[in-house]
């Protein structure tokens, strides 16, 4: 009987280890998916594209941009662009 208990204990250790690994992998995958979806869906105050963007550092004005202003670096100095009101 003692051989059976040894065998059973080793089996249970192995299964506990595998369940722990499975839980870690599943949790990591779900955290990765949630962080990925939160970074791709950026909410903007305005639904449409702006008519112009202005650099906060040098004042450069970019007319008719193809993206939202925070996504565009300033062509002149590399600063952050803001929507012109």
N, C-alpha and C. Protein backbone atom coordinates (compact mmCIF):
# COMPACT_ATOMS: atom_id res chain seq x y z
N UNK A 1 0.81 -1.20 0.00
CA UNK A 1 0.00 0.00 0.00
C UNK A 1 0.85 1.26 0.00
N UNK A 2 2.01 1.24 0.64
CA UNK A 2 2.83 2.44 0.72
C UNK A 2 3.34 2.85 -0.67
N UNK A 3 3.56 1.88 -1.55
CA UNK A 3 3.96 2.21 -2.92
C UNK A 3 2.84 2.95 -3.65
N UNK A 4 1.63 2.55 -3.40
CA UNK A 4 0.48 3.22 -4.01
C UNK A 4 0.40 4.68 -3.55
N UNK A 5 0.59 4.92 -2.25
CA UNK A 5 0.52 6.28 -1.73
C UNK A 5 1.66 7.15 -2.27
N UNK A 6 2.84 6.57 -2.42
CA UNK A 6 3.95 7.30 -3.03
C UNK A 6 3.62 7.69 -4.46
N UNK A 7 3.09 6.72 -5.17
CA UNK A 7 2.72 6.96 -6.57
C UNK A 7 1.64 8.04 -6.66
N UNK A 8 0.64 7.94 -5.80
CA UNK A 8 -0.46 8.90 -5.80
C UNK A 8 0.03 10.30 -5.42
N UNK A 9 0.91 10.41 -4.44
CA UNK A 9 1.44 11.70 -4.03
C UNK A 9 2.21 12.37 -5.18
N UNK A 10 3.01 11.60 -5.89
CA UNK A 10 3.74 12.15 -7.03
C UNK A 10 2.80 12.61 -8.13
N UNK A 11 1.75 11.86 -8.39
CA UNK A 11 0.75 12.25 -9.39
C UNK A 11 0.06 13.55 -8.99
N UNK A 12 -0.30 13.67 -7.72
CA UNK A 12 -0.97 14.88 -7.26
C UNK A 12 -0.05 16.09 -7.30
N UNK A 13 1.22 15.90 -6.97
CA UNK A 13 2.18 17.00 -7.09
C UNK A 13 2.27 17.47 -8.53
N UNK A 14 2.36 16.53 -9.45
CA UNK A 14 2.46 16.86 -10.87
C UNK A 14 1.22 17.61 -11.34
N UNK A 15 0.05 17.15 -10.95
CA UNK A 15 -1.19 17.82 -11.36
C UNK A 15 -1.29 19.21 -10.75
N UNK A 16 -0.88 19.38 -9.52
CA UNK A 16 -0.91 20.71 -8.89
C UNK A 16 0.03 21.66 -9.63
N UNK A 17 1.20 21.17 -10.01
CA UNK A 17 2.15 21.98 -10.76
C UNK A 17 1.57 22.39 -12.11
N UNK A 18 0.96 21.46 -12.80
CA UNK A 18 0.38 21.76 -14.11
C UNK A 18 -0.79 22.74 -14.00
N UNK A 19 -1.61 22.61 -12.98
CA UNK A 19 -2.72 23.55 -12.78
C UNK A 19 -2.20 24.95 -12.47
N UNK A 20 -1.13 25.05 -11.72
CA UNK A 20 -0.53 26.35 -11.41
C UNK A 20 -0.01 27.00 -12.67
N UNK A 21 0.69 26.24 -13.50
CA UNK A 21 1.21 26.77 -14.76
C UNK A 21 0.06 27.21 -15.66
N UNK A 22 -0.97 26.41 -15.75
CA UNK A 22 -2.14 26.76 -16.57
C UNK A 22 -2.78 28.05 -16.08
N UNK A 23 -2.92 28.21 -14.77
CA UNK A 23 -3.52 29.43 -14.22
C UNK A 23 -2.66 30.65 -14.53
N UNK A 24 -1.35 30.52 -14.41
CA UNK A 24 -0.46 31.64 -14.71
C UNK A 24 -0.51 32.03 -16.18
N UNK A 25 -0.53 31.06 -17.06
CA UNK A 25 -0.58 31.35 -18.49
C UNK A 25 -1.92 31.98 -18.86
N UNK A 26 -3.00 31.47 -18.32
CA UNK A 26 -4.33 32.01 -18.62
C UNK A 26 -4.46 33.44 -18.12
N UNK A 27 -3.99 33.70 -16.91
CA UNK A 27 -4.06 35.05 -16.34
C UNK A 27 -3.19 36.01 -17.15
N UNK A 28 -2.00 35.58 -17.52
CA UNK A 28 -1.12 36.42 -18.32
C UNK A 28 -1.72 36.75 -19.67
N UNK A 29 -2.35 35.77 -20.31
CA UNK A 29 -2.96 36.01 -21.62
C UNK A 29 -4.13 36.97 -21.51
N UNK A 30 -4.94 36.84 -20.47
CA UNK A 30 -6.08 37.74 -20.32
C UNK A 30 -5.62 39.16 -20.01
N UNK A 31 -4.55 39.30 -19.21
CA UNK A 31 -4.03 40.63 -18.92
C UNK A 31 -3.45 41.27 -20.18
N UNK A 32 -2.78 40.46 -21.00
CA UNK A 32 -2.21 40.98 -22.24
C UNK A 32 -3.32 41.45 -23.17
N UNK A 33 -4.38 40.69 -23.30
CA UNK A 33 -5.49 41.06 -24.18
C UNK A 33 -6.18 42.33 -23.69
N UNK A 34 -6.36 42.45 -22.37
CA UNK A 34 -7.03 43.64 -21.85
C UNK A 34 -6.17 44.88 -22.03
N UNK A 35 -4.86 44.75 -21.86
CA UNK A 35 -4.00 45.91 -22.06
C UNK A 35 -3.89 46.26 -23.53
N UNK A 36 -3.93 45.27 -24.40
CA UNK A 36 -3.85 45.52 -25.83
C UNK A 36 -5.10 46.24 -26.33
N UNK A 37 -6.25 45.84 -25.84
CA UNK A 37 -7.48 46.47 -26.29
C UNK A 37 -7.62 47.89 -25.73
N UNK A 38 -7.07 48.14 -24.55
CA UNK A 38 -7.19 49.48 -23.99
C UNK A 38 -6.27 50.47 -24.69
N UNK A 39 -5.15 50.01 -25.26
CA UNK A 39 -4.25 50.92 -25.94
C UNK A 39 -4.67 51.21 -27.36
N UNK A 40 -5.43 50.30 -27.97
CA UNK A 40 -5.81 50.52 -29.36
C UNK A 40 -7.07 51.36 -29.49
N UNK A 41 -7.90 51.40 -28.49
CA UNK A 41 -9.14 52.17 -28.59
C UNK A 41 -8.99 53.48 -27.82
N UNK A 42 -8.37 54.47 -28.44
CA UNK A 42 -8.16 55.77 -27.81
C UNK A 42 -9.42 56.61 -27.97
N UNK A 43 -9.87 57.18 -26.87
CA UNK A 43 -11.06 58.04 -26.90
C UNK A 43 -10.61 59.48 -27.11
N UNK A 44 -11.26 60.16 -28.03
CA UNK A 44 -10.97 61.57 -28.28
C UNK A 44 -12.18 62.40 -27.93
N UNK A 45 -11.94 63.64 -27.58
CA UNK A 45 -13.02 64.54 -27.23
C UNK A 45 -13.88 64.86 -28.45
N UNK A 46 -13.23 64.97 -29.62
CA UNK A 46 -13.93 65.30 -30.85
C UNK A 46 -13.98 64.07 -31.75
N UNK A 47 -15.11 63.85 -32.39
CA UNK A 47 -15.28 62.66 -33.23
C UNK A 47 -14.51 62.78 -34.55
N UNK A 48 -14.53 63.96 -35.16
CA UNK A 48 -13.89 64.12 -36.45
C UNK A 48 -12.46 64.61 -36.34
N UNK A 49 -11.79 64.63 -37.48
CA UNK A 49 -10.43 65.13 -37.53
C UNK A 49 -10.44 66.66 -37.46
N UNK A 50 -9.39 67.27 -36.94
CA UNK A 50 -9.35 68.72 -36.82
C UNK A 50 -9.05 69.40 -38.16
N UNK A 51 -9.34 70.67 -38.23
CA UNK A 51 -9.00 71.42 -39.44
C UNK A 51 -7.54 71.85 -39.40
N UNK A 52 -6.96 71.98 -38.19
CA UNK A 52 -5.56 72.35 -38.06
C UNK A 52 -5.05 71.95 -36.67
N UNK A 53 -3.73 71.71 -36.59
CA UNK A 53 -3.07 71.40 -35.33
C UNK A 53 -1.98 72.43 -35.09
N UNK A 54 -1.77 72.77 -33.81
CA UNK A 54 -0.75 73.75 -33.44
C UNK A 54 0.23 73.09 -32.48
N UNK A 55 1.54 73.34 -32.69
CA UNK A 55 2.57 72.81 -31.81
C UNK A 55 2.60 73.62 -30.52
N UNK A 56 2.69 72.92 -29.38
CA UNK A 56 2.72 73.61 -28.10
C UNK A 56 4.08 74.25 -27.82
N UNK A 57 5.14 73.81 -28.51
CA UNK A 57 6.48 74.37 -28.26
C UNK A 57 6.80 75.55 -29.16
N UNK A 58 6.67 75.33 -30.47
CA UNK A 58 7.13 76.37 -31.40
C UNK A 58 6.00 77.13 -32.10
N UNK A 59 4.75 76.64 -31.97
CA UNK A 59 3.62 77.33 -32.58
C UNK A 59 3.39 77.00 -34.05
N UNK A 60 4.08 75.99 -34.57
CA UNK A 60 3.89 75.59 -35.97
C UNK A 60 2.45 75.14 -36.18
N UNK A 61 1.84 75.54 -37.31
CA UNK A 61 0.46 75.18 -37.61
C UNK A 61 0.45 74.20 -38.78
N UNK A 62 -0.19 73.06 -38.58
CA UNK A 62 -0.33 72.04 -39.61
C UNK A 62 -1.79 72.03 -40.05
N UNK A 63 -2.04 72.38 -41.30
CA UNK A 63 -3.41 72.45 -41.83
C UNK A 63 -3.85 71.08 -42.35
N UNK A 64 -5.11 70.76 -42.16
CA UNK A 64 -5.75 69.53 -42.64
C UNK A 64 -4.95 68.26 -42.37
N UNK A 65 -4.73 67.91 -41.10
CA UNK A 65 -3.99 66.68 -40.78
C UNK A 65 -4.82 65.44 -41.11
N UNK A 66 -4.15 64.33 -41.31
CA UNK A 66 -4.83 63.07 -41.62
C UNK A 66 -5.05 62.21 -40.37
N UNK A 67 -4.53 62.66 -39.22
CA UNK A 67 -4.70 61.97 -37.94
C UNK A 67 -5.12 62.97 -36.88
N UNK A 68 -5.46 62.48 -35.71
CA UNK A 68 -5.75 63.36 -34.59
C UNK A 68 -4.44 64.00 -34.13
N UNK A 69 -4.51 65.21 -33.63
CA UNK A 69 -3.32 66.00 -33.30
C UNK A 69 -2.34 65.32 -32.34
N UNK A 70 -2.78 64.68 -31.24
CA UNK A 70 -1.80 64.05 -30.34
C UNK A 70 -0.99 62.92 -30.99
N UNK A 71 -1.48 62.37 -32.08
CA UNK A 71 -0.77 61.28 -32.77
C UNK A 71 0.33 61.80 -33.70
N UNK A 72 0.38 63.11 -33.93
CA UNK A 72 1.32 63.68 -34.89
C UNK A 72 2.41 64.45 -34.14
N UNK A 73 3.69 64.12 -34.35
CA UNK A 73 4.74 64.98 -33.78
C UNK A 73 4.91 66.21 -34.67
N UNK A 74 5.35 67.30 -34.09
CA UNK A 74 5.56 68.53 -34.86
C UNK A 74 6.64 68.30 -35.92
N UNK A 75 6.36 68.65 -37.17
CA UNK A 75 7.36 68.48 -38.22
C UNK A 75 8.59 69.37 -38.02
N UNK A 76 8.44 70.47 -37.32
CA UNK A 76 9.55 71.40 -37.14
C UNK A 76 10.43 71.04 -35.94
N UNK A 77 9.80 70.84 -34.75
CA UNK A 77 10.61 70.64 -33.54
C UNK A 77 10.37 69.29 -32.85
N UNK A 78 9.36 68.51 -33.29
CA UNK A 78 9.07 67.23 -32.66
C UNK A 78 8.19 67.33 -31.43
N UNK A 79 7.66 68.52 -31.16
CA UNK A 79 6.80 68.72 -29.98
C UNK A 79 5.41 68.13 -30.17
N UNK A 80 4.60 68.25 -29.15
CA UNK A 80 3.24 67.72 -29.18
C UNK A 80 2.31 68.71 -29.88
N UNK A 81 1.43 68.16 -30.72
CA UNK A 81 0.49 68.98 -31.46
C UNK A 81 -0.87 68.97 -30.74
N UNK A 82 -1.57 70.12 -30.82
CA UNK A 82 -2.89 70.27 -30.22
C UNK A 82 -3.85 70.80 -31.28
N UNK A 83 -5.12 70.52 -31.08
CA UNK A 83 -6.16 71.00 -32.00
C UNK A 83 -6.28 72.51 -31.91
N UNK A 84 -6.32 73.17 -33.06
CA UNK A 84 -6.51 74.62 -33.07
C UNK A 84 -8.00 74.91 -32.97
N UNK A 85 -8.35 75.84 -32.12
CA UNK A 85 -9.77 76.18 -31.92
C UNK A 85 -10.20 77.30 -32.81
